[in-house]
Every structure is written in C-alpha cells, then in structure tokens.
C-alpha cells in the first residue's frame, strides 16, 4: 500500500519533464499539476529544466517571428519526427 501511494504521489524526473512540456500546450489534470508541484519542490534539476525550456521556447518564438516570411514549417511532419524520436528513445531505455 505504501509503495503504491509513493508511486501515485511522486514522479520520476522523466515523467516530470514530460508534464512540464505537456503543460505548455495542454491543460494538465489536477493530479498531474499536484504531482508535478510536489516533484519540483524536491528536485532542483527539474526546476532548472523548466527554466531552460522556457528560454528555448522564447528563443524559438523570437526566431520564428523574425523569419516568418521566409521560413515555412510543416507542423504535422515535425510532430511526426518528434514522436518517432521519442518512441525510439523509449525503446532504447527498455
């Protein structure tokens, strides 16, 4: 019972970073927000990850706005490539 409760309340850093990124584009459930908040209180690395991710996101947005007229991005193709890379990364970890 205690082990099950531990796994419900506490996230791994991998899951925490996934939730940080998910939270940028989608609304997190109350449980996801709670678990992420608990994790970030204890994990300096994930707090740093979130700060660095914010910087990257702002930089990409700035570059996109500056070169919007010359750059075209196939969003669906990009999503597909990112998903494939994440899936391959998951396979390597197993």
N, C-alpha and C. Protein backbone atom coordinates (compact mmCIF):
# COMPACT_ATOMS: atom_id res chain seq x y z
N UNK A 1 0.82 -1.20 0.00
CA UNK A 1 0.00 0.00 0.00
C UNK A 1 0.87 1.27 0.00
N UNK A 2 1.89 1.30 0.87
CA UNK A 2 2.76 2.47 0.93
C UNK A 2 3.52 2.68 -0.37
N UNK A 3 3.95 1.58 -0.98
CA UNK A 3 4.68 1.69 -2.24
C UNK A 3 3.77 2.23 -3.34
N UNK A 4 2.54 1.77 -3.36
CA UNK A 4 1.57 2.25 -4.36
C UNK A 4 1.30 3.74 -4.17
N UNK A 5 1.14 4.17 -2.94
CA UNK A 5 0.91 5.59 -2.64
C UNK A 5 2.12 6.41 -3.07
N UNK A 6 3.32 5.91 -2.82
CA UNK A 6 4.55 6.59 -3.21
C UNK A 6 4.58 6.81 -4.72
N UNK A 7 4.23 5.79 -5.49
CA UNK A 7 4.25 5.90 -6.96
C UNK A 7 3.15 6.81 -7.48
N UNK A 8 2.06 6.93 -6.75
CA UNK A 8 0.99 7.83 -7.16
C UNK A 8 1.40 9.28 -6.93
N UNK A 9 2.04 9.55 -5.79
CA UNK A 9 2.37 10.92 -5.44
C UNK A 9 3.65 11.44 -6.08
N UNK A 10 4.65 10.59 -6.22
CA UNK A 10 5.96 11.06 -6.66
C UNK A 10 6.27 10.62 -8.09
N UNK A 11 6.77 11.57 -8.85
CA UNK A 11 7.10 11.33 -10.25
C UNK A 11 8.60 11.10 -10.42
N UNK A 12 8.94 10.41 -11.48
CA UNK A 12 10.35 10.35 -11.90
C UNK A 12 10.65 11.67 -12.61
N UNK A 13 11.93 11.98 -12.74
CA UNK A 13 12.31 13.20 -13.47
C UNK A 13 11.85 13.13 -14.93
N UNK A 14 11.90 11.94 -15.52
CA UNK A 14 11.45 11.78 -16.90
C UNK A 14 9.98 12.17 -17.04
N UNK A 15 9.16 11.65 -16.15
CA UNK A 15 7.73 11.96 -16.20
C UNK A 15 7.49 13.44 -15.89
N UNK A 16 8.25 13.99 -14.96
CA UNK A 16 8.09 15.40 -14.61
C UNK A 16 8.40 16.30 -15.81
N UNK A 17 9.48 16.00 -16.53
CA UNK A 17 9.81 16.83 -17.69
C UNK A 17 8.77 16.68 -18.80
N UNK A 18 8.21 15.49 -18.92
CA UNK A 18 7.14 15.30 -19.91
C UNK A 18 5.93 16.16 -19.54
N UNK A 19 5.60 16.21 -18.26
CA UNK A 19 4.47 17.03 -17.82
C UNK A 19 4.76 18.52 -17.97
N UNK A 20 6.01 18.92 -17.74
CA UNK A 20 6.38 20.32 -17.95
C UNK A 20 6.10 20.72 -19.40
N UNK A 21 6.54 19.89 -20.32
CA UNK A 21 6.32 20.18 -21.74
C UNK A 21 4.84 20.08 -22.11
N UNK A 22 4.17 19.08 -21.62
CA UNK A 22 2.74 18.92 -21.91
C UNK A 22 1.97 20.14 -21.41
N UNK A 23 2.36 20.66 -20.23
CA UNK A 23 1.67 21.80 -19.64
C UNK A 23 1.83 23.08 -20.45
N UNK A 24 2.80 23.14 -21.33
CA UNK A 24 2.97 24.33 -22.18
C UNK A 24 1.86 24.44 -23.22
N UNK A 25 1.33 23.31 -23.64
CA UNK A 25 0.39 23.31 -24.75
C UNK A 25 -1.00 22.79 -24.40
N UNK A 26 -1.09 22.07 -23.30
CA UNK A 26 -2.37 21.49 -22.90
C UNK A 26 -2.59 21.72 -21.42
N UNK A 27 -3.84 21.68 -21.01
CA UNK A 27 -4.15 21.83 -19.60
C UNK A 27 -3.90 20.50 -18.89
N UNK A 28 -3.13 20.56 -17.80
CA UNK A 28 -2.86 19.36 -17.02
C UNK A 28 -4.03 19.09 -16.08
N UNK A 29 -4.24 17.82 -15.78
CA UNK A 29 -5.28 17.47 -14.80
C UNK A 29 -4.82 17.94 -13.43
N UNK A 30 -5.74 18.01 -12.48
CA UNK A 30 -5.37 18.47 -11.14
C UNK A 30 -4.35 17.53 -10.52
N UNK A 31 -4.44 16.22 -10.79
CA UNK A 31 -3.48 15.27 -10.24
C UNK A 31 -2.10 15.47 -10.86
N UNK A 32 -2.06 15.71 -12.17
CA UNK A 32 -0.77 15.97 -12.83
C UNK A 32 -0.13 17.24 -12.28
N UNK A 33 -0.94 18.30 -12.12
CA UNK A 33 -0.40 19.55 -11.57
C UNK A 33 0.12 19.34 -10.15
N UNK A 34 -0.64 18.61 -9.34
CA UNK A 34 -0.23 18.35 -7.95
C UNK A 34 1.06 17.55 -7.90
N UNK A 35 1.12 16.46 -8.68
CA UNK A 35 2.32 15.61 -8.67
C UNK A 35 3.54 16.37 -9.17
N UNK A 36 3.35 17.21 -10.20
CA UNK A 36 4.46 18.00 -10.72
C UNK A 36 4.92 19.02 -9.69
N UNK A 37 4.00 19.64 -9.01
CA UNK A 37 4.35 20.63 -7.98
C UNK A 37 5.14 19.97 -6.85
N UNK A 38 4.71 18.80 -6.41
CA UNK A 38 5.42 18.07 -5.35
C UNK A 38 6.82 17.71 -5.83
N UNK A 39 6.93 17.23 -7.05
CA UNK A 39 8.23 16.83 -7.59
C UNK A 39 9.17 18.04 -7.68
N UNK A 40 8.67 19.14 -8.20
CA UNK A 40 9.54 20.31 -8.39
C UNK A 40 10.00 20.91 -7.07
N UNK A 41 9.24 20.73 -6.00
CA UNK A 41 9.68 21.22 -4.69
C UNK A 41 10.90 20.47 -4.21
N UNK A 42 11.05 19.23 -4.65
CA UNK A 42 12.16 18.40 -4.19
C UNK A 42 13.29 18.28 -5.20
N UNK A 43 13.07 18.70 -6.44
CA UNK A 43 14.04 18.42 -7.50
C UNK A 43 14.53 19.72 -8.15
N UNK A 44 15.75 20.08 -7.86
CA UNK A 44 16.34 21.28 -8.45
C UNK A 44 16.58 21.09 -9.95
N UNK A 45 16.92 19.89 -10.34
CA UNK A 45 17.21 19.62 -11.76
C UNK A 45 15.99 19.90 -12.63
N UNK A 46 14.83 19.49 -12.18
CA UNK A 46 13.61 19.70 -12.99
C UNK A 46 13.21 21.17 -13.01
N UNK A 47 13.49 21.89 -11.93
CA UNK A 47 13.26 23.34 -11.94
C UNK A 47 14.17 24.01 -12.96
N UNK A 48 15.42 23.60 -13.01
CA UNK A 48 16.36 24.14 -13.99
C UNK A 48 15.93 23.77 -15.41
N UNK A 49 15.47 22.53 -15.58
CA UNK A 49 14.99 22.10 -16.89
C UNK A 49 13.86 23.01 -17.35
N UNK A 50 12.93 23.30 -16.44
CA UNK A 50 11.79 24.15 -16.81
C UNK A 50 12.25 25.55 -17.21
N UNK A 51 13.22 26.11 -16.49
CA UNK A 51 13.75 27.43 -16.83
C UNK A 51 14.42 27.41 -18.20
N UNK A 52 15.24 26.39 -18.44
CA UNK A 52 15.94 26.29 -19.72
C UNK A 52 14.96 26.06 -20.87
N UNK A 53 13.93 25.29 -20.61
CA UNK A 53 12.92 25.04 -21.62
C UNK A 53 12.17 26.33 -21.96
N UNK A 54 11.91 27.16 -20.94
CA UNK A 54 11.27 28.47 -21.17
C UNK A 54 12.15 29.33 -22.07
N UNK A 55 13.44 29.34 -21.79
CA UNK A 55 14.38 30.14 -22.60
C UNK A 55 14.38 29.67 -24.04
N UNK A 56 14.45 28.35 -24.23
CA UNK A 56 14.43 27.80 -25.59
C UNK A 56 13.13 28.14 -26.32
N UNK A 57 12.02 28.01 -25.62
CA UNK A 57 10.72 28.30 -26.21
C UNK A 57 10.63 29.76 -26.64
N UNK A 58 11.10 30.66 -25.79
CA UNK A 58 11.08 32.08 -26.13
C UNK A 58 12.01 32.37 -27.31
N UNK A 59 13.18 31.73 -27.32
CA UNK A 59 14.12 31.92 -28.42
C UNK A 59 13.56 31.44 -29.74
N UNK A 60 12.94 30.28 -29.72
CA UNK A 60 12.35 29.74 -30.95
C UNK A 60 11.21 30.64 -31.43
N UNK A 61 10.39 31.12 -30.49
CA UNK A 61 9.30 32.03 -30.86
C UNK A 61 9.84 33.31 -31.50
N UNK A 62 10.91 33.84 -30.91
CA UNK A 62 11.52 35.07 -31.43
C UNK A 62 12.05 34.84 -32.85
N UNK A 63 12.79 33.77 -33.04
CA UNK A 63 13.36 33.47 -34.36
C UNK A 63 12.25 33.26 -35.38
N UNK A 64 11.21 32.55 -34.99
CA UNK A 64 10.09 32.31 -35.89
C UNK A 64 9.43 33.61 -36.31
N UNK A 65 9.25 34.52 -35.36
CA UNK A 65 8.64 35.81 -35.69
C UNK A 65 9.53 36.64 -36.60
N UNK A 66 10.85 36.58 -36.39
CA UNK A 66 11.78 37.36 -37.20
C UNK A 66 11.86 36.85 -38.63
N UNK A 67 11.75 35.54 -38.80
CA UNK A 67 11.92 34.94 -40.13
C UNK A 67 10.63 34.32 -40.65
N UNK A 68 9.53 34.80 -40.17
CA UNK A 68 8.24 34.22 -40.53
C UNK A 68 7.99 34.25 -42.03
N UNK A 69 8.40 35.31 -42.69
CA UNK A 69 8.10 35.42 -44.12
C UNK A 69 8.93 34.48 -44.97
N UNK A 70 10.11 34.07 -44.48
CA UNK A 70 10.98 33.21 -45.29
C UNK A 70 10.94 31.75 -44.86
N UNK A 71 10.49 31.47 -43.67
CA UNK A 71 10.52 30.10 -43.16
C UNK A 71 9.12 29.49 -43.20
N UNK A 72 9.05 28.29 -43.73
CA UNK A 72 7.81 27.55 -43.68
C UNK A 72 8.07 26.24 -42.95
N UNK A 73 7.14 25.86 -42.12
CA UNK A 73 7.29 24.65 -41.33
C UNK A 73 6.08 23.77 -41.53
N UNK A 74 6.33 22.52 -41.85
CA UNK A 74 5.26 21.55 -41.93
C UNK A 74 5.08 20.98 -40.52
N UNK A 75 4.10 21.50 -39.80
CA UNK A 75 3.92 21.17 -38.39
C UNK A 75 3.63 19.69 -38.20
N UNK A 76 2.81 19.13 -39.04
CA UNK A 76 2.47 17.71 -38.89
C UNK A 76 3.68 16.82 -39.10
N UNK A 77 4.52 17.17 -40.07
CA UNK A 77 5.74 16.41 -40.32
C UNK A 77 6.69 16.53 -39.12
N UNK A 78 6.79 17.73 -38.58
CA UNK A 78 7.64 17.96 -37.42
C UNK A 78 7.14 17.17 -36.21
N UNK A 79 5.83 17.17 -35.98
CA UNK A 79 5.25 16.39 -34.89
C UNK A 79 5.56 14.91 -35.06
N UNK A 80 5.44 14.43 -36.27
CA UNK A 80 5.70 13.03 -36.56
C UNK A 80 7.15 12.67 -36.26
N UNK A 81 8.09 13.54 -36.66
CA UNK A 81 9.51 13.29 -36.41
C UNK A 81 9.81 13.30 -34.92
N UNK A 82 9.22 14.22 -34.19
CA UNK A 82 9.43 14.29 -32.74
C UNK A 82 8.88 13.04 -32.07
N UNK A 83 7.69 12.61 -32.48
CA UNK A 83 7.08 11.41 -31.89
C UNK A 83 7.94 10.19 -32.17
N UNK A 84 8.45 10.06 -33.39
CA UNK A 84 9.31 8.92 -33.72
C UNK A 84 10.58 8.93 -32.87
N UNK A 85 11.17 10.10 -32.68
CA UNK A 85 12.39 10.19 -31.86
C UNK A 85 12.10 9.82 -30.42
N UNK A 86 10.96 10.27 -29.89
CA UNK A 86 10.59 9.93 -28.52
C UNK A 86 10.33 8.44 -28.38
N UNK A 87 9.65 7.86 -29.36
CA UNK A 87 9.38 6.42 -29.33
C UNK A 87 10.68 5.63 -29.37
N UNK A 88 11.62 6.04 -30.20
CA UNK A 88 12.90 5.34 -30.28
C UNK A 88 13.67 5.48 -28.97
N UNK A 89 13.57 6.64 -28.34
CA UNK A 89 14.23 6.85 -27.06
C UNK A 89 13.63 5.94 -25.99
N UNK A 90 12.30 5.77 -26.00
CA UNK A 90 11.65 4.86 -25.05
C UNK A 90 12.07 3.44 -25.26
N UNK A 91 12.23 3.03 -26.51
CA UNK A 91 12.64 1.66 -26.82
C UNK A 91 14.06 1.40 -26.31
N UNK A 92 14.95 2.37 -26.47
CA UNK A 92 16.34 2.23 -26.00
C UNK A 92 16.42 2.08 -24.49
N UNK A 93 15.51 2.74 -23.77
CA UNK A 93 15.53 2.69 -22.30
C UNK A 93 15.00 1.38 -21.75
N UNK A 94 14.22 0.67 -22.54
CA UNK A 94 13.67 -0.62 -22.08
C UNK A 94 14.72 -1.64 -22.17
